[in-house]
PDB file of N, CA and C in Angstrom:
ATOM      1  N   MET A   1     -49.563 194.227 -58.447  1.00  0.00           N
ATOM      2  CA  MET A   1     -49.378 194.133 -57.017  1.00  0.00           C
ATOM      3  C   MET A   1     -48.549 195.336 -56.556  1.00  0.00           C
ATOM      4  N   THR A   2     -49.010 196.017 -55.531  1.00  0.00           N
ATOM      5  CA  THR A   2     -48.293 197.174 -55.011  1.00  0.00           C
ATOM      6  C   THR A   2     -47.139 196.728 -54.118  1.00  0.00           C
ATOM      7  N   ARG A   3     -46.217 197.650 -53.843  1.00  0.00           N
ATOM      8  CA  ARG A   3     -45.093 197.328 -52.952  1.00  0.00           C
ATOM      9  C   ARG A   3     -45.603 196.975 -51.561  1.00  0.00           C
ATOM     10  N   LYS A   4     -46.654 197.668 -51.138  1.00  0.00           N
ATOM     11  CA  LYS A   4     -47.214 197.379 -49.819  1.00  0.00           C
ATOM     12  C   LYS A   4     -47.726 195.944 -49.761  1.00  0.00           C
ATOM     13  N   GLU A   5     -48.449 195.530 -50.785  1.00  0.00           N
ATOM     14  CA  GLU A   5     -48.983 194.165 -50.832  1.00  0.00           C
ATOM     15  C   GLU A   5     -47.859 193.133 -50.919  1.00  0.00           C
ATOM     16  N   LEU A   6     -46.790 193.470 -51.631  1.00  0.00           N
ATOM     17  CA  LEU A   6     -45.672 192.558 -51.810  1.00  0.00           C
ATOM     18  C   LEU A   6     -45.033 192.180 -50.478  1.00  0.00           C
ATOM     19  N   TYR A   7     -44.918 193.129 -49.561  1.00  0.00           N
ATOM     20  CA  TYR A   7     -44.243 192.885 -48.292  1.00  0.00           C
ATOM     21  C   TYR A   7     -45.182 192.766 -47.092  1.00  0.00           C
ATOM     22  N   GLU A   8     -46.465 192.880 -47.322  1.00  0.00           N
ATOM     23  CA  GLU A   8     -47.421 192.837 -46.216  1.00  0.00           C
ATOM     24  C   GLU A   8     -47.312 191.529 -45.437  1.00  0.00           C
ATOM     25  N   ASN A   9     -47.159 191.641 -44.128  1.00  0.00           N
ATOM     26  CA  ASN A   9     -47.039 190.508 -43.207  1.00  0.00           C
ATOM     27  C   ASN A   9     -45.792 189.653 -43.451  1.00  0.00           C
ATOM     28  N   LYS A  10     -44.813 190.180 -44.156  1.00  0.00           N
ATOM     29  CA  LYS A  10     -43.603 189.418 -44.444  1.00  0.00           C
ATOM     30  C   LYS A  10     -42.367 190.009 -43.773  1.00  0.00           C
ATOM     31  N   LEU A  11     -42.488 191.224 -43.228  1.00  0.00           N
ATOM     32  CA  LEU A  11     -41.376 191.887 -42.565  1.00  0.00           C
ATOM     33  C   LEU A  11     -41.698 191.976 -41.087  1.00  0.00           C
ATOM     34  N   GLN A  12     -40.822 191.438 -40.263  1.00  0.00           N
ATOM     35  CA  GLN A  12     -41.135 191.333 -38.838  1.00  0.00           C
ATOM     36  C   GLN A  12     -40.020 191.890 -37.976  1.00  0.00           C
ATOM     37  N   MET A  13     -40.444 192.390 -36.827  1.00  0.00           N
ATOM     38  CA  MET A  13     -39.514 192.849 -35.809  1.00  0.00           C
ATOM     39  C   MET A  13     -40.067 192.383 -34.467  1.00  0.00           C
ATOM     40  N   ASP A  14     -39.176 191.947 -33.606  1.00  0.00           N
ATOM     41  CA  ASP A  14     -39.593 191.483 -32.285  1.00  0.00           C
ATOM     42  C   ASP A  14     -39.716 192.687 -31.360  1.00  0.00           C
ATOM     43  N   TYR A  15     -40.933 193.178 -31.222  1.00  0.00           N
ATOM     44  CA  TYR A  15     -41.187 194.397 -30.450  1.00  0.00           C
ATOM     45  C   TYR A  15     -40.962 194.230 -28.953  1.00  0.00           C
ATOM     46  N   PHE A  16     -40.828 193.017 -28.478  1.00  0.00           N
ATOM     47  CA  PHE A  16     -40.684 192.777 -27.042  1.00  0.00           C
ATOM     48  C   PHE A  16     -39.250 192.403 -26.656  1.00  0.00           C
ATOM     49  N   SER A  17     -38.337 192.470 -27.603  1.00  0.00           N
ATOM     50  CA  SER A  17     -36.947 192.101 -27.308  1.00  0.00           C
ATOM     51  C   SER A  17     -36.179 193.304 -26.766  1.00  0.00           C
ATOM     52  N   ASN A  18     -35.083 193.010 -26.114  1.00  0.00           N
ATOM     53  CA  ASN A  18     -34.197 194.075 -25.625  1.00  0.00           C
ATOM     54  C   ASN A  18     -33.612 194.867 -26.781  1.00  0.00           C
ATOM     55  N   ASP A  19     -33.382 194.206 -27.914  1.00  0.00           N
ATOM     56  CA  ASP A  19     -32.845 194.890 -29.093  1.00  0.00           C
ATOM     57  C   ASP A  19     -33.802 195.960 -29.592  1.00  0.00           C
ATOM     58  N   TYR A  20     -35.084 195.645 -29.638  1.00  0.00           N
ATOM     59  CA  TYR A  20     -36.055 196.637 -30.094  1.00  0.00           C
ATOM     60  C   TYR A  20     -36.137 197.804 -29.111  1.00  0.00           C
ATOM     61  N   ILE A  21     -36.109 197.513 -27.833  1.00  0.00           N
ATOM     62  CA  ILE A  21     -36.160 198.570 -26.819  1.00  0.00           C
ATOM     63  C   ILE A  21     -34.948 199.489 -26.975  1.00  0.00           C
ATOM     64  N   ARG A  22     -33.776 198.894 -27.225  1.00  0.00           N
ATOM     65  CA  ARG A  22     -32.568 199.681 -27.465  1.00  0.00           C
ATOM     66  C   ARG A  22     -32.705 200.537 -28.721  1.00  0.00           C
ATOM     67  N   PHE A  23     -33.288 199.956 -29.784  1.00  0.00           N
ATOM     68  CA  PHE A  23     -33.534 200.705 -31.022  1.00  0.00           C
ATOM     69  C   PHE A  23     -34.462 201.886 -30.753  1.00  0.00           C
ATOM     70  N   GLU A  24     -35.523 201.635 -30.037  1.00  0.00           N
ATOM     71  CA  GLU A  24     -36.487 202.688 -29.718  1.00  0.00           C
ATOM     72  C   GLU A  24     -35.807 203.825 -28.943  1.00  0.00           C
ATOM     73  N   GLU A  25     -34.994 203.461 -27.971  1.00  0.00           N
ATOM     74  CA  GLU A  25     -34.274 204.469 -27.176  1.00  0.00           C
ATOM     75  C   GLU A  25     -33.291 205.260 -28.047  1.00  0.00           C
ATOM     76  N   ASP A  26     -32.540 204.569 -28.907  1.00  0.00           N
ATOM     77  CA  ASP A  26     -31.602 205.252 -29.796  1.00  0.00           C
ATOM     78  C   ASP A  26     -32.333 206.179 -30.758  1.00  0.00           C
ATOM     79  N   PHE A  27     -33.424 205.691 -31.318  1.00  0.00           N
ATOM     80  CA  PHE A  27     -34.179 206.501 -32.274  1.00  0.00           C
ATOM     81  C   PHE A  27     -34.714 207.762 -31.598  1.00  0.00           C
ATOM     82  N   GLN A  28     -35.290 207.620 -30.419  1.00  0.00           N
ATOM     83  CA  GLN A  28     -35.842 208.771 -29.705  1.00  0.00           C
ATOM     84  C   GLN A  28     -34.751 209.757 -29.298  1.00  0.00           C
ATOM     85  N   LYS A  29     -33.577 209.246 -29.021  1.00  0.00           N
ATOM     86  CA  LYS A  29     -32.454 210.094 -28.621  1.00  0.00           C
ATOM     87  C   LYS A  29     -32.051 211.049 -29.746  1.00  0.00           C
ATOM     88  N   TYR A  30     -32.130 210.591 -30.997  1.00  0.00           N
ATOM     89  CA  TYR A  30     -31.649 211.377 -32.125  1.00  0.00           C
ATOM     90  C   TYR A  30     -32.748 212.001 -32.984  1.00  0.00           C
ATOM     91  N   SER A  31     -33.946 211.472 -32.946  1.00  0.00           N
ATOM     92  CA  SER A  31     -35.008 211.942 -33.827  1.00  0.00           C
ATOM     93  C   SER A  31     -35.683 213.201 -33.291  1.00  0.00           C
ATOM     94  N   ALA A  32     -35.859 214.169 -34.177  1.00  0.00           N
ATOM     95  CA  ALA A  32     -36.578 215.396 -33.835  1.00  0.00           C
ATOM     96  C   ALA A  32     -38.006 215.349 -34.363  1.00  0.00           C
ATOM     97  N   MET A  33     -38.399 214.225 -34.939  1.00  0.00           N
ATOM     98  CA  MET A  33     -39.733 214.100 -35.525  1.00  0.00           C
ATOM     99  C   MET A  33     -40.771 213.956 -34.420  1.00  0.00           C
ATOM    100  N   ASN A  34     -41.952 214.492 -34.680  1.00  0.00           N
ATOM    101  CA  ASN A  34     -43.040 214.406 -33.715  1.00  0.00           C
ATOM    102  C   ASN A  34     -43.905 213.163 -33.907  1.00  0.00           C
ATOM    103  N   VAL A  35     -43.552 212.344 -34.886  1.00  0.00           N
ATOM    104  CA  VAL A  35     -44.306 211.122 -35.172  1.00  0.00           C
ATOM    105  C   VAL A  35     -43.722 209.987 -34.339  1.00  0.00           C
ATOM    106  N   PRO A  36     -44.551 209.273 -33.585  1.00  0.00           N
ATOM    107  CA  PRO A  36     -44.030 208.145 -32.799  1.00  0.00           C
ATOM    108  C   PRO A  36     -43.453 207.052 -33.708  1.00  0.00           C
ATOM    109  N   LEU A  37     -42.414 206.399 -33.229  1.00  0.00           N
ATOM    110  CA  LEU A  37     -41.759 205.333 -33.984  1.00  0.00           C
ATOM    111  C   LEU A  37     -42.745 204.243 -34.399  1.00  0.00           C
ATOM    112  N   THR A  38     -43.721 203.970 -33.571  1.00  0.00           N
ATOM    113  CA  THR A  38     -44.727 202.943 -33.868  1.00  0.00           C
ATOM    114  C   THR A  38     -45.382 203.172 -35.226  1.00  0.00           C
ATOM    115  N   PHE A  39     -45.596 204.429 -35.584  1.00  0.00           N
ATOM    116  CA  PHE A  39     -46.250 204.741 -36.861  1.00  0.00           C
ATOM    117  C   PHE A  39     -45.282 204.711 -38.034  1.00  0.00           C
ATOM    118  N   LEU A  40     -43.990 204.684 -37.769  1.00  0.00           N
ATOM    119  CA  LEU A  40     -42.987 204.710 -38.832  1.00  0.00           C
ATOM    120  C   LEU A  40     -42.388 203.347 -39.154  1.00  0.00           C
ATOM    121  N   ILE A  41     -42.480 202.420 -38.217  1.00  0.00           N
ATOM    122  CA  ILE A  41     -41.717 201.181 -38.323  1.00  0.00           C
ATOM    123  C   ILE A  41     -42.044 200.365 -39.579  1.00  0.00           C
ATOM    124  N   ASP A  42     -43.308 200.282 -39.972  1.00  0.00           N
ATOM    125  CA  ASP A  42     -43.653 199.532 -41.191  1.00  0.00           C
ATOM    126  C   ASP A  42     -42.995 200.146 -42.422  1.00  0.00           C
ATOM    127  N   ASP A  43     -43.001 201.474 -42.501  1.00  0.00           N
ATOM    128  CA  ASP A  43     -42.360 202.149 -43.637  1.00  0.00           C
ATOM    129  C   ASP A  43     -40.851 201.946 -43.617  1.00  0.00           C
ATOM    130  N   ILE A  44     -40.259 201.981 -42.433  1.00  0.00           N
ATOM    131  CA  ILE A  44     -38.821 201.762 -42.306  1.00  0.00           C
ATOM    132  C   ILE A  44     -38.452 200.354 -42.778  1.00  0.00           C
ATOM    133  N   LEU A  45     -39.178 199.345 -42.304  1.00  0.00           N
ATOM    134  CA  LEU A  45     -38.898 197.959 -42.699  1.00  0.00           C
ATOM    135  C   LEU A  45     -39.096 197.761 -44.198  1.00  0.00           C
ATOM    136  N   ARG A  46     -40.176 198.306 -44.736  1.00  0.00           N
ATOM    137  CA  ARG A  46     -40.465 198.164 -46.166  1.00  0.00           C
ATOM    138  C   ARG A  46     -39.373 198.830 -47.009  1.00  0.00           C
ATOM    139  N   THR A  47     -38.917 200.007 -46.592  1.00  0.00           N
ATOM    140  CA  THR A  47     -37.865 200.712 -47.325  1.00  0.00           C
ATOM    141  C   THR A  47     -36.566 199.914 -47.320  1.00  0.00           C
ATOM    142  N   MET A  48     -36.204 199.346 -46.175  1.00  0.00           N
ATOM    143  CA  MET A  48     -34.985 198.529 -46.123  1.00  0.00           C
ATOM    144  C   MET A  48     -35.126 197.308 -47.027  1.00  0.00           C
ATOM    145  N   ALA A  49     -36.296 196.661 -47.026  1.00  0.00           N
ATOM    146  CA  ALA A  49     -36.503 195.467 -47.847  1.00  0.00           C
ATOM    147  C   ALA A  49     -36.452 195.805 -49.333  1.00  0.00           C
ATOM    148  N   ILE A  50     -37.133 196.858 -49.734  1.00  0.00           N
ATOM    149  CA  ILE A  50     -37.163 197.245 -51.150  1.00  0.00           C
ATOM    150  C   ILE A  50     -35.767 197.586 -51.653  1.00  0.00           C
ATOM    151  N   ASN A  51     -34.998 198.284 -50.829  1.00  0.00           N
ATOM    152  CA  ASN A  51     -33.654 198.708 -51.230  1.00  0.00           C
ATOM    153  C   ASN A  51     -32.579 197.671 -50.910  1.00  0.00           C
ATOM    154  N   GLN A  52     -32.994 196.545 -50.343  1.00  0.00           N
ATOM    155  CA  GLN A  52     -32.091 195.458 -49.966  1.00  0.00           C
ATOM    156  C   GLN A  52     -30.915 195.975 -49.124  1.00  0.00           C
ATOM    157  N   LYS A  53     -31.275 196.740 -48.095  1.00  0.00           N
ATOM    158  CA  LYS A  53     -30.300 197.299 -47.159  1.00  0.00           C
ATOM    159  C   LYS A  53     -30.577 196.757 -45.766  1.00  0.00           C
ATOM    160  N   ASN A  54     -29.553 196.722 -44.934  1.00  0.00           N
ATOM    161  CA  ASN A  54     -29.735 196.287 -43.556  1.00  0.00           C
ATOM    162  C   ASN A  54     -29.687 197.487 -42.596  1.00  0.00           C
ATOM    163  N   TYR A  55     -29.891 198.673 -43.129  1.00  0.00           N
ATOM    164  CA  TYR A  55     -29.888 199.883 -42.319  1.00  0.00           C
ATOM    165  C   TYR A  55     -30.854 200.903 -42.906  1.00  0.00           C
ATOM    166  N   PHE A  56     -31.203 201.881 -42.087  1.00  0.00           N
ATOM    167  CA  PHE A  56     -31.922 203.033 -42.608  1.00  0.00           C
ATOM    168  C   PHE A  56     -31.274 204.281 -42.044  1.00  0.00           C
ATOM    169  N   VAL A  57     -31.505 205.396 -42.729  1.00  0.00           N
ATOM    170  CA  VAL A  57     -30.864 206.650 -42.371  1.00  0.00           C
ATOM    171  C   VAL A  57     -31.900 207.623 -41.844  1.00  0.00           C
ATOM    172  N   LEU A  58     -31.604 208.187 -40.688  1.00  0.00           N
ATOM    173  CA  LEU A  58     -32.366 209.324 -40.182  1.00  0.00           C
ATOM    174  C   LEU A  58     -31.605 210.532 -40.701  1.00  0.00           C
ATOM    175  N   ASN A  59     -32.222 211.253 -41.638  1.00  0.00           N
ATOM    176  CA  ASN A  59     -31.479 212.348 -42.267  1.00  0.00           C
ATOM    177  C   ASN A  59     -31.300 213.523 -41.308  1.00  0.00           C
ATOM    178  N   LYS A  60     -30.360 214.374 -41.645  1.00  0.00           N
ATOM    179  CA  LYS A  60     -29.998 215.466 -40.748  1.00  0.00           C
ATOM    180  C   LYS A  60     -31.140 216.450 -40.523  1.00  0.00           C
ATOM    181  N   GLU A  61     -32.046 216.560 -41.474  1.00  0.00           N
ATOM    182  CA  GLU A  61     -33.193 217.462 -41.318  1.00  0.00           C
ATOM    183  C   GLU A  61     -34.144 216.986 -40.220  1.00  0.00           C
ATOM    184  N   ASN A  62     -34.148 215.684 -39.942  1.00  0.00           N
ATOM    185  CA  ASN A  62     -35.035 215.120 -38.910  1.00  0.00           C
ATOM    186  C   ASN A  62     -34.303 214.738 -37.629  1.00  0.00           C
ATOM    187  N   ALA A  63     -33.037 215.118 -37.521  1.00  0.00           N
ATOM    188  CA  ALA A  63     -32.239 214.772 -36.341  1.00  0.00           C
ATOM    189  C   ALA A  63     -32.118 215.976 -35.401  1.00  0.00           C
ATOM    190  N   LYS A  64     -32.112 215.691 -34.121  1.00  0.00           N
ATOM    191  CA  LYS A  64     -31.994 216.745 -33.113  1.00  0.00           C
ATOM    192  C   LYS A  64     -30.676 217.494 -33.218  1.00  0.00           C
ATOM    193  N   ASP A  65     -29.617 216.789 -33.564  1.00  0.00           N
ATOM    194  CA  ASP A  65     -28.296 217.399 -33.610  1.00  0.00           C
ATOM    195  C   ASP A  65     -27.884 217.868 -35.008  1.00  0.00           C
ATOM    196  N   GLY A  66     -28.789 217.751 -35.987  1.00  0.00           N
ATOM    197  CA  GLY A  66     -28.498 218.207 -37.340  1.00  0.00           C
ATOM    198  C   GLY A  66     -27.507 217.337 -38.094  1.00  0.00           C
ATOM    199  N   ARG A  67     -27.286 216.093 -37.614  1.00  0.00           N
ATOM    200  CA  ARG A  67     -26.381 215.161 -38.274  1.00  0.00           C
ATOM    201  C   ARG A  67     -27.149 213.933 -38.762  1.00  0.00           C
ATOM    202  N   GLU A  68     -26.624 213.279 -39.793  1.00  0.00           N
ATOM    203  CA  GLU A  68     -27.213 212.046 -40.318  1.00  0.00           C
ATOM    204  C   GLU A  68     -26.869 210.878 -39.392  1.00  0.00           C
ATOM    205  N   HIS A  69     -27.846 209.997 -39.146  1.00  0.00           N
ATOM    206  CA  HIS A  69     -27.626 208.825 -38.288  1.00  0.00           C
ATOM    207  C   HIS A  69     -28.099 207.574 -39.013  1.00  0.00           C
ATOM    208  N   ARG A  70     -27.319 206.501 -38.918  1.00  0.00           N
ATOM    209  CA  ARG A  70     -27.673 205.214 -39.525  1.00  0.00           C
ATOM    210  C   ARG A  70     -27.965 204.209 -38.429  1.00  0.00           C
ATOM    211  N   PHE A  71     -29.034 203.456 -38.625  1.00  0.00           N
ATOM    212  CA  PHE A  71     -29.461 202.421 -37.693  1.00  0.00           C
ATOM    213  C   PHE A  71     -29.345 201.079 -38.418  1.00  0.00           C
ATOM    214  N   TYR A  72     -28.500 200.191 -37.896  1.00  0.00           N
ATOM    215  CA  TYR A  72     -28.206 198.918 -38.557  1.00  0.00           C
ATOM    216  C   TYR A  72     -28.978 197.760 -37.924  1.00  0.00           C
ATOM    217  N   PHE A  73     -29.381 196.822 -38.786  1.00  0.00           N
ATOM    218  CA  PHE A  73     -30.149 195.660 -38.366  1.00  0.00           C
ATOM    219  C   PHE A  73     -29.519 194.390 -38.928  1.00  0.00           C
ATOM    220  N   ARG A  74     -29.735 193.298 -38.237  1.00  0.00           N
ATOM    221  CA  ARG A  74     -29.393 191.974 -38.747  1.00  0.00           C
ATOM    222  C   ARG A  74     -30.683 191.448 -39.374  1.00  0.00           C
ATOM    223  N   VAL A  75     -30.601 190.991 -40.611  1.00  0.00           N
ATOM    224  CA  VAL A  75     -31.779 190.491 -41.319  1.00  0.00           C
ATOM    225  C   VAL A  75     -31.659 188.981 -41.440  1.00  0.00           C
ATOM    226  N   ARG A  76     -32.703 188.292 -41.007  1.00  0.00           N
ATOM    227  CA  ARG A  76     -32.704 186.830 -41.055  1.00  0.00           C
ATOM    228  C   ARG A  76     -33.934 186.374 -41.822  1.00  0.00           C
ATOM    229  N   MET A  77     -33.714 185.459 -42.753  1.00  0.00           N
ATOM    230  CA  MET A  77     -34.822 184.876 -43.501  1.00  0.00           C
ATOM    231  C   MET A  77     -35.401 183.731 -42.682  1.00  0.00           C
ATOM    232  N   ASP A  78     -36.694 183.614 -42.672  1.00  0.00           N
ATOM    233  CA  ASP A  78     -37.362 182.537 -41.952  1.00  0.00           C
ATOM    234  C   ASP A  78     -37.007 181.209 -42.615  1.00  0.00           C
ATOM    235  N   SER A  79     -36.665 180.216 -41.821  1.00  0.00           N
ATOM    236  CA  SER A  79     -36.251 178.926 -42.376  1.00  0.00           C
ATOM    237  C   SER A  79     -37.415 178.166 -43.011  1.00  0.00           C
ATOM    238  N   GLU A  80     -38.627 178.433 -42.568  1.00  0.00           N
ATOM    239  CA  GLU A  80     -39.791 177.739 -43.123  1.00  0.00           C
ATOM    240  C   GLU A  80     -40.420 178.480 -44.295  1.00  0.00           C
ATOM    241  N   ASP A  81     -40.304 179.798 -44.290  1.00  0.00           N
ATOM    242  CA  ASP A  81     -40.881 180.601 -45.369  1.00  0.00           C
ATOM    243  C   ASP A  81     -39.869 181.672 -45.748  1.00  0.00           C
ATOM    244  N   SER A  82     -39.188 181.485 -46.863  1.00  0.00           N
ATOM    245  CA  SER A  82     -38.107 182.391 -47.263  1.00  0.00           C
ATOM    246  C   SER A  82     -38.599 183.791 -47.622  1.00  0.00           C
ATOM    247  N   LYS A  83     -39.911 183.992 -47.696  1.00  0.00           N
ATOM    248  CA  LYS A  83     -40.440 185.319 -47.993  1.00  0.00           C
ATOM    249  C   LYS A  83     -40.520 186.196 -46.742  1.00  0.00           C
ATOM    250  N   ILE A  84     -40.420 185.588 -45.584  1.00  0.00           N
ATOM    251  CA  ILE A  84     -40.524 186.324 -44.325  1.00  0.00           C
ATOM    252  C   ILE A  84     -39.120 186.714 -43.864  1.00  0.00           C
ATOM    253  N   ARG A  85     -38.954 188.000 -43.539  1.00  0.00           N
ATOM    254  CA  ARG A  85     -37.676 188.514 -43.055  1.00  0.00           C
ATOM    255  C   ARG A  85     -37.857 189.072 -41.652  1.00  0.00           C
ATOM    256  N   GLU A  86     -36.939 188.700 -40.784  1.00  0.00           N
ATOM    257  CA  GLU A  86     -36.960 189.206 -39.416  1.00  0.00           C
ATOM    258  C   GLU A  86     -35.805 190.198 -39.251  1.00  0.00           C
ATOM    259  N   PHE A  87     -36.119 191.378 -38.740  1.00  0.00           N
ATOM    260  CA  PHE A  87     -35.127 192.427 -38.532  1.00  0.00           C
ATOM    261  C   PHE A  87     -34.825 192.528 -37.044  1.00  0.00           C
ATOM    262  N   LYS A  88     -33.515 192.481 -36.722  1.00  0.00           N
ATOM    263  CA  LYS A  88     -33.080 192.572 -35.335  1.00  0.00           C
ATOM    264  C   LYS A  88     -32.065 193.712 -35.247  1.00  0.00           C
ATOM    265  N   TYR A  89     -32.324 194.668 -34.383  1.00  0.00           N
ATOM    266  CA  TYR A  89     -31.472 195.847 -34.269  1.00  0.00           C
ATOM    267  C   TYR A  89     -30.077 195.481 -33.788  1.00  0.00           C
ATOM    268  N   LYS A  90     -29.060 196.021 -34.469  1.00  0.00           N
ATOM    269  CA  LYS A  90     -27.677 195.797 -34.072  1.00  0.00           C
ATOM    270  C   LYS A  90     -27.126 197.025 -33.357  1.00  0.00           C
ATOM    271  N   ASN A  91     -27.041 198.144 -34.100  1.00  0.00           N
ATOM    272  CA  ASN A  91     -26.494 199.343 -33.495  1.00  0.00           C
ATOM    273  C   ASN A  91     -26.726 200.578 -34.368  1.00  0.00           C
ATOM    274  N   LYS A  92     -26.341 201.724 -33.821  1.00  0.00           N
ATOM    275  CA  LYS A  92     -26.432 203.000 -34.515  1.00  0.00           C
ATOM    276  C   LYS A  92     -25.021 203.489 -34.769  1.00  0.00           C
ATOM    277  N   LYS A  93     -24.778 203.976 -35.964  1.00  0.00           N
ATOM    278  CA  LYS A  93     -23.450 204.542 -36.298  1.00  0.00           C
ATOM    279  C   LYS A  93     -23.622 205.906 -36.871  1.00  0.00           C
TER     280      LYS A  93
END
């Protein structure tokens, strides 16, 4: 089983919440990448899950200001299915 298959449909983010909108705004503020966040989000969630982290790092090479930025999330396990994880944006440090 590949890592993609292991986490497929098990990592979720509420794209319509104010927290996600804030995350999107923060990410766009600091990211110099030409790839829209929509195309990166699955990889970001999978990387956090595999590494058992509640944050991801936008490295300085991909940042507008040449500095490293961390984006923190609250991770909640689904009460009905412990394999499903919901990520809710907290803040950027």
